[in-house]
Amino acid sequence: MEFFRYLLESQRKHFEKGGKLERFYYVYEATEEFLYTKGRVTESAPHVRDAIDLKRVMITVVVALIPVVLFAIYNTGYQANKAL
């Protein structure tokens, strides 16, 4: 794994500002982030604290899914009748 890390670091100069592959910097950065974590990580909990608990969030999810489920039921019946 150290070989790949060294390979990425040695090619960094080509992707930074002024390098010949500058336009592909975001591809390079995405590859590096996928393979390795950054040097800085969150030390505290990354959770947002607010008044909504898990029960209320799940109720919101269920309410948001109602139109999707109704359309799926309608579309399944329509496709079944169309096939007959």
PDB file of N, CA and C in Angstrom:
ATOM      1  N   MET A   1       0.818  -1.196   0.000  1.00  0.00           N
ATOM      2  CA  MET A   1       0.000   0.000   0.000  1.00  0.00           C
ATOM      3  C   MET A   1       0.862   1.260   0.000  1.00  0.00           C
ATOM      4  N   GLU A   2       2.022   1.175   0.602  1.00  0.00           N
ATOM      5  CA  GLU A   2       2.894   2.347   0.624  1.00  0.00           C
ATOM      6  C   GLU A   2       3.350   2.718  -0.787  1.00  0.00           C
ATOM      7  N   PHE A   3       3.478   1.711  -1.647  1.00  0.00           N
ATOM      8  CA  PHE A   3       3.871   1.991  -3.029  1.00  0.00           C
ATOM      9  C   PHE A   3       2.823   2.862  -3.718  1.00  0.00           C
ATOM     10  N   PHE A   4       1.545   2.532  -3.515  1.00  0.00           N
ATOM     11  CA  PHE A   4       0.474   3.315  -4.138  1.00  0.00           C
ATOM     12  C   PHE A   4       0.416   4.722  -3.555  1.00  0.00           C
ATOM     13  N   ARG A   5       0.668   4.823  -2.264  1.00  0.00           N
ATOM     14  CA  ARG A   5       0.686   6.138  -1.625  1.00  0.00           C
ATOM     15  C   ARG A   5       1.808   6.988  -2.213  1.00  0.00           C
ATOM     16  N   TYR A   6       2.978   6.373  -2.355  1.00  0.00           N
ATOM     17  CA  TYR A   6       4.119   7.075  -2.947  1.00  0.00           C
ATOM     18  C   TYR A   6       3.819   7.471  -4.393  1.00  0.00           C
ATOM     19  N   LEU A   7       3.183   6.571  -5.139  1.00  0.00           N
ATOM     20  CA  LEU A   7       2.840   6.848  -6.533  1.00  0.00           C
ATOM     21  C   LEU A   7       1.887   8.043  -6.639  1.00  0.00           C
ATOM     22  N   LEU A   8       0.875   8.068  -5.786  1.00  0.00           N
ATOM     23  CA  LEU A   8      -0.066   9.197  -5.801  1.00  0.00           C
ATOM     24  C   LEU A   8       0.626  10.506  -5.436  1.00  0.00           C
ATOM     25  N   GLU A   9       1.460  10.461  -4.402  1.00  0.00           N
ATOM     26  CA  GLU A   9       2.140  11.683  -3.965  1.00  0.00           C
ATOM     27  C   GLU A   9       3.125  12.184  -5.020  1.00  0.00           C
ATOM     28  N   SER A  10       3.781  11.271  -5.726  1.00  0.00           N
ATOM     29  CA  SER A  10       4.745  11.702  -6.741  1.00  0.00           C
ATOM     30  C   SER A  10       4.052  12.319  -7.957  1.00  0.00           C
ATOM     31  N   GLN A  11       2.803  11.976  -8.193  1.00  0.00           N
ATOM     32  CA  GLN A  11       2.070  12.512  -9.340  1.00  0.00           C
ATOM     33  C   GLN A  11       1.251  13.752  -9.002  1.00  0.00           C
ATOM     34  N   ARG A  12       1.212  14.136  -7.742  1.00  0.00           N
ATOM     35  CA  ARG A  12       0.395  15.265  -7.305  1.00  0.00           C
ATOM     36  C   ARG A  12       0.741  16.550  -8.053  1.00  0.00           C
ATOM     37  N   LYS A  13       2.018  16.798  -8.289  1.00  0.00           N
ATOM     38  CA  LYS A  13       2.443  18.061  -8.914  1.00  0.00           C
ATOM     39  C   LYS A  13       1.850  18.250 -10.309  1.00  0.00           C
ATOM     40  N   HIS A  14       1.555  17.157 -10.997  1.00  0.00           N
ATOM     41  CA  HIS A  14       0.975  17.264 -12.335  1.00  0.00           C
ATOM     42  C   HIS A  14      -0.493  17.697 -12.295  1.00  0.00           C
ATOM     43  N   PHE A  15      -1.155  17.445 -11.180  1.00  0.00           N
ATOM     44  CA  PHE A  15      -2.585  17.740 -11.076  1.00  0.00           C
ATOM     45  C   PHE A  15      -2.872  19.066 -10.382  1.00  0.00           C
ATOM     46  N   GLU A  16      -1.888  19.637  -9.715  1.00  0.00           N
ATOM     47  CA  GLU A  16      -2.106  20.901  -9.022  1.00  0.00           C
ATOM     48  C   GLU A  16      -2.078  22.058 -10.012  1.00  0.00           C
ATOM     49  N   LYS A  17      -2.364  23.246  -9.522  1.00  0.00           N
ATOM     50  CA  LYS A  17      -2.457  24.436 -10.372  1.00  0.00           C
ATOM     51  C   LYS A  17      -1.142  24.653 -11.124  1.00  0.00           C
ATOM     52  N   GLY A  18      -1.265  24.787 -12.434  1.00  0.00           N
ATOM     53  CA  GLY A  18      -0.093  24.986 -13.275  1.00  0.00           C
ATOM     54  C   GLY A  18       0.476  23.696 -13.847  1.00  0.00           C
ATOM     55  N   GLY A  19      -0.010  22.558 -13.408  1.00  0.00           N
ATOM     56  CA  GLY A  19       0.460  21.270 -13.917  1.00  0.00           C
ATOM     57  C   GLY A  19      -0.190  20.936 -15.249  1.00  0.00           C
ATOM     58  N   LYS A  20       0.407  19.973 -15.955  1.00  0.00           N
ATOM     59  CA  LYS A  20      -0.125  19.647 -17.278  1.00  0.00           C
ATOM     60  C   LYS A  20      -1.455  18.908 -17.218  1.00  0.00           C
ATOM     61  N   LEU A  21      -1.796  18.321 -16.075  1.00  0.00           N
ATOM     62  CA  LEU A  21      -3.075  17.617 -15.912  1.00  0.00           C
ATOM     63  C   LEU A  21      -3.987  18.339 -14.919  1.00  0.00           C
ATOM     64  N   GLU A  22      -3.874  19.645 -14.894  1.00  0.00           N
ATOM     65  CA  GLU A  22      -4.619  20.457 -13.924  1.00  0.00           C
ATOM     66  C   GLU A  22      -6.127  20.251 -14.028  1.00  0.00           C
ATOM     67  N   ARG A  23      -6.646  20.044 -15.216  1.00  0.00           N
ATOM     68  CA  ARG A  23      -8.096  19.898 -15.386  1.00  0.00           C
ATOM     69  C   ARG A  23      -8.627  18.593 -14.794  1.00  0.00           C
ATOM     70  N   PHE A  24      -7.749  17.631 -14.522  1.00  0.00           N
ATOM     71  CA  PHE A  24      -8.166  16.357 -13.934  1.00  0.00           C
ATOM     72  C   PHE A  24      -7.903  16.299 -12.432  1.00  0.00           C
ATOM     73  N   TYR A  25      -7.717  17.470 -11.805  1.00  0.00           N
ATOM     74  CA  TYR A  25      -7.406  17.498 -10.374  1.00  0.00           C
ATOM     75  C   TYR A  25      -8.493  16.829  -9.545  1.00  0.00           C
ATOM     76  N   TYR A  26      -9.749  17.042  -9.891  1.00  0.00           N
ATOM     77  CA  TYR A  26     -10.836  16.484  -9.091  1.00  0.00           C
ATOM     78  C   TYR A  26     -10.900  14.965  -9.217  1.00  0.00           C
ATOM     79  N   VAL A  27     -10.522  14.429 -10.349  1.00  0.00           N
ATOM     80  CA  VAL A  27     -10.450  12.967 -10.500  1.00  0.00           C
ATOM     81  C   VAL A  27      -9.332  12.426  -9.616  1.00  0.00           C
ATOM     82  N   TYR A  28      -8.189  13.113  -9.628  1.00  0.00           N
ATOM     83  CA  TYR A  28      -7.068  12.716  -8.774  1.00  0.00           C
ATOM     84  C   TYR A  28      -7.462  12.777  -7.302  1.00  0.00           C
ATOM     85  N   GLU A  29      -8.095  13.863  -6.913  1.00  0.00           N
ATOM     86  CA  GLU A  29      -8.488  14.035  -5.520  1.00  0.00           C
ATOM     87  C   GLU A  29      -9.513  12.984  -5.096  1.00  0.00           C
ATOM     88  N   ALA A  30     -10.475  12.674  -5.963  1.00  0.00           N
ATOM     89  CA  ALA A  30     -11.474  11.654  -5.645  1.00  0.00           C
ATOM     90  C   ALA A  30     -10.818  10.291  -5.490  1.00  0.00           C
ATOM     91  N   THR A  31      -9.854   9.981  -6.343  1.00  0.00           N
ATOM     92  CA  THR A  31      -9.145   8.706  -6.236  1.00  0.00           C
ATOM     93  C   THR A  31      -8.368   8.632  -4.934  1.00  0.00           C
ATOM     94  N   GLU A  32      -7.684   9.707  -4.603  1.00  0.00           N
ATOM     95  CA  GLU A  32      -6.908   9.733  -3.365  1.00  0.00           C
ATOM     96  C   GLU A  32      -7.815   9.609  -2.141  1.00  0.00           C
ATOM     97  N   GLU A  33      -8.947  10.297  -2.154  1.00  0.00           N
ATOM     98  CA  GLU A  33      -9.875  10.222  -1.027  1.00  0.00           C
ATOM     99  C   GLU A  33     -10.520   8.846  -0.916  1.00  0.00           C
ATOM    100  N   PHE A  34     -10.742   8.181  -2.045  1.00  0.00           N
ATOM    101  CA  PHE A  34     -11.327   6.840  -2.024  1.00  0.00           C
ATOM    102  C   PHE A  34     -10.347   5.833  -1.429  1.00  0.00           C
ATOM    103  N   LEU A  35      -9.076   5.971  -1.761  1.00  0.00           N
ATOM    104  CA  LEU A  35      -8.083   5.002  -1.299  1.00  0.00           C
ATOM    105  C   LEU A  35      -7.565   5.291   0.107  1.00  0.00           C
ATOM    106  N   TYR A  36      -7.428   6.557   0.466  1.00  0.00           N
ATOM    107  CA  TYR A  36      -6.824   6.925   1.747  1.00  0.00           C
ATOM    108  C   TYR A  36      -7.655   8.007   2.426  1.00  0.00           C
ATOM    109  N   THR A  37      -7.622   8.019   3.753  1.00  0.00           N
ATOM    110  CA  THR A  37      -8.306   9.077   4.489  1.00  0.00           C
ATOM    111  C   THR A  37      -7.390  10.284   4.597  1.00  0.00           C
ATOM    112  N   LYS A  38      -7.989  11.425   4.851  1.00  0.00           N
ATOM    113  CA  LYS A  38      -7.203  12.641   5.024  1.00  0.00           C
ATOM    114  C   LYS A  38      -6.458  12.600   6.351  1.00  0.00           C
ATOM    115  N   GLY A  39      -5.502  13.484   6.493  1.00  0.00           N
ATOM    116  CA  GLY A  39      -4.766  13.577   7.744  1.00  0.00           C
ATOM    117  C   GLY A  39      -5.625  14.130   8.869  1.00  0.00           C
ATOM    118  N   ARG A  40      -6.615  14.950   8.514  1.00  0.00           N
ATOM    119  CA  ARG A  40      -7.516  15.514   9.515  1.00  0.00           C
ATOM    120  C   ARG A  40      -8.804  14.711   9.545  1.00  0.00           C
ATOM    121  N   VAL A  41      -9.216  14.297  10.710  1.00  0.00           N
ATOM    122  CA  VAL A  41     -10.495  13.614  10.874  1.00  0.00           C
ATOM    123  C   VAL A  41     -11.240  14.257  12.035  1.00  0.00           C
ATOM    124  N   THR A  42     -12.529  14.035  12.101  1.00  0.00           N
ATOM    125  CA  THR A  42     -13.355  14.608  13.155  1.00  0.00           C
ATOM    126  C   THR A  42     -13.057  13.920  14.478  1.00  0.00           C
ATOM    127  N   GLU A  43     -12.814  14.707  15.496  1.00  0.00           N
ATOM    128  CA  GLU A  43     -12.516  14.136  16.810  1.00  0.00           C
ATOM    129  C   GLU A  43     -13.765  13.997  17.667  1.00  0.00           C
ATOM    130  N   SER A  44     -14.747  14.860  17.448  1.00  0.00           N
ATOM    131  CA  SER A  44     -15.981  14.774  18.227  1.00  0.00           C
ATOM    132  C   SER A  44     -17.059  14.102  17.388  1.00  0.00           C
ATOM    133  N   ALA A  45     -18.200  13.892  17.987  1.00  0.00           N
ATOM    134  CA  ALA A  45     -19.298  13.243  17.270  1.00  0.00           C
ATOM    135  C   ALA A  45     -19.803  14.156  16.149  1.00  0.00           C
ATOM    136  N   PRO A  46     -19.979  13.646  14.944  1.00  0.00           N
ATOM    137  CA  PRO A  46     -20.412  14.481  13.829  1.00  0.00           C
ATOM    138  C   PRO A  46     -21.927  14.617  13.720  1.00  0.00           C
ATOM    139  N   HIS A  47     -22.641  14.274  14.780  1.00  0.00           N
ATOM    140  CA  HIS A  47     -24.096  14.288  14.733  1.00  0.00           C
ATOM    141  C   HIS A  47     -24.640  15.676  15.028  1.00  0.00           C
ATOM    142  N   VAL A  48     -25.689  16.034  14.322  1.00  0.00           N
ATOM    143  CA  VAL A  48     -26.352  17.312  14.551  1.00  0.00           C
ATOM    144  C   VAL A  48     -27.368  17.116  15.665  1.00  0.00           C
ATOM    145  N   ARG A  49     -27.373  17.998  16.610  1.00  0.00           N
ATOM    146  CA  ARG A  49     -28.313  17.900  17.729  1.00  0.00           C
ATOM    147  C   ARG A  49     -29.480  18.851  17.480  1.00  0.00           C
ATOM    148  N   ASP A  50     -30.689  18.309  17.472  1.00  0.00           N
ATOM    149  CA  ASP A  50     -31.870  19.152  17.356  1.00  0.00           C
ATOM    150  C   ASP A  50     -33.037  18.475  18.059  1.00  0.00           C
ATOM    151  N   ALA A  51     -34.225  19.062  17.935  1.00  0.00           N
ATOM    152  CA  ALA A  51     -35.383  18.578  18.688  1.00  0.00           C
ATOM    153  C   ALA A  51     -36.045  17.363  18.051  1.00  0.00           C
ATOM    154  N   ILE A  52     -35.679  17.008  16.842  1.00  0.00           N
ATOM    155  CA  ILE A  52     -36.318  15.881  16.162  1.00  0.00           C
ATOM    156  C   ILE A  52     -35.627  14.585  16.572  1.00  0.00           C
ATOM    157  N   ASP A  53     -36.410  13.666  17.117  1.00  0.00           N
ATOM    158  CA  ASP A  53     -35.844  12.375  17.486  1.00  0.00           C
ATOM    159  C   ASP A  53     -36.048  11.383  16.341  1.00  0.00           C
ATOM    160  N   LEU A  54     -35.575  10.168  16.528  1.00  0.00           N
ATOM    161  CA  LEU A  54     -35.624   9.164  15.467  1.00  0.00           C
ATOM    162  C   LEU A  54     -37.051   8.827  15.056  1.00  0.00           C
ATOM    163  N   LYS A  55     -37.963   8.789  16.015  1.00  0.00           N
ATOM    164  CA  LYS A  55     -39.359   8.456  15.708  1.00  0.00           C
ATOM    165  C   LYS A  55     -39.957   9.474  14.743  1.00  0.00           C
ATOM    166  N   ARG A  56     -39.718  10.740  14.972  1.00  0.00           N
ATOM    167  CA  ARG A  56     -40.275  11.781  14.108  1.00  0.00           C
ATOM    168  C   ARG A  56     -39.627  11.776  12.731  1.00  0.00           C
ATOM    169  N   VAL A  57     -38.356  11.470  12.681  1.00  0.00           N
ATOM    170  CA  VAL A  57     -37.689  11.375  11.381  1.00  0.00           C
ATOM    171  C   VAL A  57     -38.275  10.227  10.575  1.00  0.00           C
ATOM    172  N   MET A  58     -38.514   9.084  11.207  1.00  0.00           N
ATOM    173  CA  MET A  58     -39.058   7.930  10.500  1.00  0.00           C
ATOM    174  C   MET A  58     -40.499   8.185  10.052  1.00  0.00           C
ATOM    175  N   ILE A  59     -41.266   8.936  10.838  1.00  0.00           N
ATOM    176  CA  ILE A  59     -42.619   9.301  10.415  1.00  0.00           C
ATOM    177  C   ILE A  59     -42.552  10.166   9.158  1.00  0.00           C
ATOM    178  N   THR A  60     -41.608  11.081   9.105  1.00  0.00           N
ATOM    179  CA  THR A  60     -41.422  11.909   7.916  1.00  0.00           C
ATOM    180  C   THR A  60     -41.060  11.055   6.707  1.00  0.00           C
ATOM    181  N   VAL A  61     -40.220  10.055   6.917  1.00  0.00           N
ATOM    182  CA  VAL A  61     -39.846   9.150   5.822  1.00  0.00           C
ATOM    183  C   VAL A  61     -41.066   8.390   5.319  1.00  0.00           C
ATOM    184  N   VAL A  62     -41.885   7.886   6.231  1.00  0.00           N
ATOM    185  CA  VAL A  62     -43.079   7.136   5.838  1.00  0.00           C
ATOM    186  C   VAL A  62     -44.040   8.036   5.070  1.00  0.00           C
ATOM    187  N   VAL A  63     -44.240   9.244   5.533  1.00  0.00           N
ATOM    188  CA  VAL A  63     -45.129  10.185   4.836  1.00  0.00           C
ATOM    189  C   VAL A  63     -44.582  10.496   3.442  1.00  0.00           C
ATOM    190  N   ALA A  64     -43.277  10.626   3.319  1.00  0.00           N
ATOM    191  CA  ALA A  64     -42.683  10.903   2.012  1.00  0.00           C
ATOM    192  C   ALA A  64     -42.805   9.708   1.071  1.00  0.00           C
ATOM    193  N   LEU A  65     -42.877   8.501   1.618  1.00  0.00           N
ATOM    194  CA  LEU A  65     -42.978   7.303   0.784  1.00  0.00           C
ATOM    195  C   LEU A  65     -44.402   6.998   0.321  1.00  0.00           C
ATOM    196  N   ILE A  66     -45.404   7.608   0.923  1.00  0.00           N
ATOM    197  CA  ILE A  66     -46.794   7.312   0.564  1.00  0.00           C
ATOM    198  C   ILE A  66     -47.068   7.551  -0.921  1.00  0.00           C
ATOM    199  N   PRO A  67     -46.713   8.696  -1.517  1.00  0.00           N
ATOM    200  CA  PRO A  67     -46.974   8.871  -2.953  1.00  0.00           C
ATOM    201  C   PRO A  67     -46.234   7.851  -3.821  1.00  0.00           C
ATOM    202  N   VAL A  68     -45.039   7.488  -3.421  1.00  0.00           N
ATOM    203  CA  VAL A  68     -44.266   6.515  -4.190  1.00  0.00           C
ATOM    204  C   VAL A  68     -44.946   5.156  -4.170  1.00  0.00           C
ATOM    205  N   VAL A  69     -45.401   4.739  -3.000  1.00  0.00           N
ATOM    206  CA  VAL A  69     -46.068   3.440  -2.874  1.00  0.00           C
ATOM    207  C   VAL A  69     -47.379   3.439  -3.655  1.00  0.00           C
ATOM    208  N   LEU A  70     -48.149   4.507  -3.555  1.00  0.00           N
ATOM    209  CA  LEU A  70     -49.411   4.573  -4.295  1.00  0.00           C
ATOM    210  C   LEU A  70     -49.181   4.508  -5.803  1.00  0.00           C
ATOM    211  N   PHE A  71     -48.190   5.207  -6.297  1.00  0.00           N
ATOM    212  CA  PHE A  71     -47.899   5.152  -7.723  1.00  0.00           C
ATOM    213  C   PHE A  71     -47.403   3.769  -8.127  1.00  0.00           C
ATOM    214  N   ALA A  72     -46.622   3.123  -7.275  1.00  0.00           N
ATOM    215  CA  ALA A  72     -46.143   1.769  -7.580  1.00  0.00           C
ATOM    216  C   ALA A  72     -47.301   0.784  -7.657  1.00  0.00           C
ATOM    217  N   ILE A  73     -48.250   0.907  -6.736  1.00  0.00           N
ATOM    218  CA  ILE A  73     -49.427   0.027  -6.763  1.00  0.00           C
ATOM    219  C   ILE A  73     -50.233   0.269  -8.036  1.00  0.00           C
ATOM    220  N   TYR A  74     -50.466   1.534  -8.364  1.00  0.00           N
ATOM    221  CA  TYR A  74     -51.206   1.869  -9.583  1.00  0.00           C
ATOM    222  C   TYR A  74     -50.485   1.342 -10.821  1.00  0.00           C
ATOM    223  N   ASN A  75     -49.192   1.580 -10.903  1.00  0.00           N
ATOM    224  CA  ASN A  75     -48.430   1.193 -12.084  1.00  0.00           C
ATOM    225  C   ASN A  75     -48.356  -0.324 -12.227  1.00  0.00           C
ATOM    226  N   THR A  76     -48.254  -1.052 -11.123  1.00  0.00           N
ATOM    227  CA  THR A  76     -48.228  -2.514 -11.189  1.00  0.00           C
ATOM    228  C   THR A  76     -49.550  -3.043 -11.727  1.00  0.00           C
ATOM    229  N   GLY A  77     -50.662  -2.511 -11.244  1.00  0.00           N
ATOM    230  CA  GLY A  77     -51.972  -2.919 -11.752  1.00  0.00           C
ATOM    231  C   GLY A  77     -52.151  -2.557 -13.208  1.00  0.00           C
ATOM    232  N   TYR A  78     -51.695  -1.389 -13.592  1.00  0.00           N
ATOM    233  CA  TYR A  78     -51.808  -0.956 -14.985  1.00  0.00           C
ATOM    234  C   TYR A  78     -51.010  -1.874 -15.905  1.00  0.00           C
ATOM    235  N   GLN A  79     -49.785  -2.185 -15.505  1.00  0.00           N
ATOM    236  CA  GLN A  79     -48.947  -3.063 -16.327  1.00  0.00           C
ATOM    237  C   GLN A  79     -49.536  -4.469 -16.414  1.00  0.00           C
ATOM    238  N   ALA A  80     -50.117  -4.958 -15.305  1.00  0.00           N
ATOM    239  CA  ALA A  80     -50.721  -6.296 -15.312  1.00  0.00           C
ATOM    240  C   ALA A  80     -51.929  -6.334 -16.241  1.00  0.00           C
ATOM    241  N   ASN A  81     -52.778  -5.315 -16.181  1.00  0.00           N
ATOM    242  CA  ASN A  81     -53.955  -5.271 -17.058  1.00  0.00           C
ATOM    243  C   ASN A  81     -53.569  -5.060 -18.517  1.00  0.00           C
ATOM    244  N   LYS A  82     -52.524  -4.320 -18.750  1.00  0.00           N
ATOM    245  CA  LYS A  82     -52.078  -4.086 -20.117  1.00  0.00           C
ATOM    246  C   LYS A  82     -51.521  -5.374 -20.733  1.00  0.00           C
ATOM    247  N   ALA A  83     -50.906  -6.216 -19.910  1.00  0.00           N
ATOM    248  CA  ALA A  83     -50.340  -7.477 -20.405  1.00  0.00           C
ATOM    249  C   ALA A  83     -51.432  -8.474 -20.758  1.00  0.00           C
ATOM    250  N   LEU A  84     -52.610  -8.345 -20.133  1.00  0.00           N
ATOM    251  CA  LEU A  84     -53.715  -9.263 -20.429  1.00  0.00           C
ATOM    252  C   LEU A  84     -54.337  -8.840 -21.717  1.00  0.00           C
TER     253      LEU A  84
END
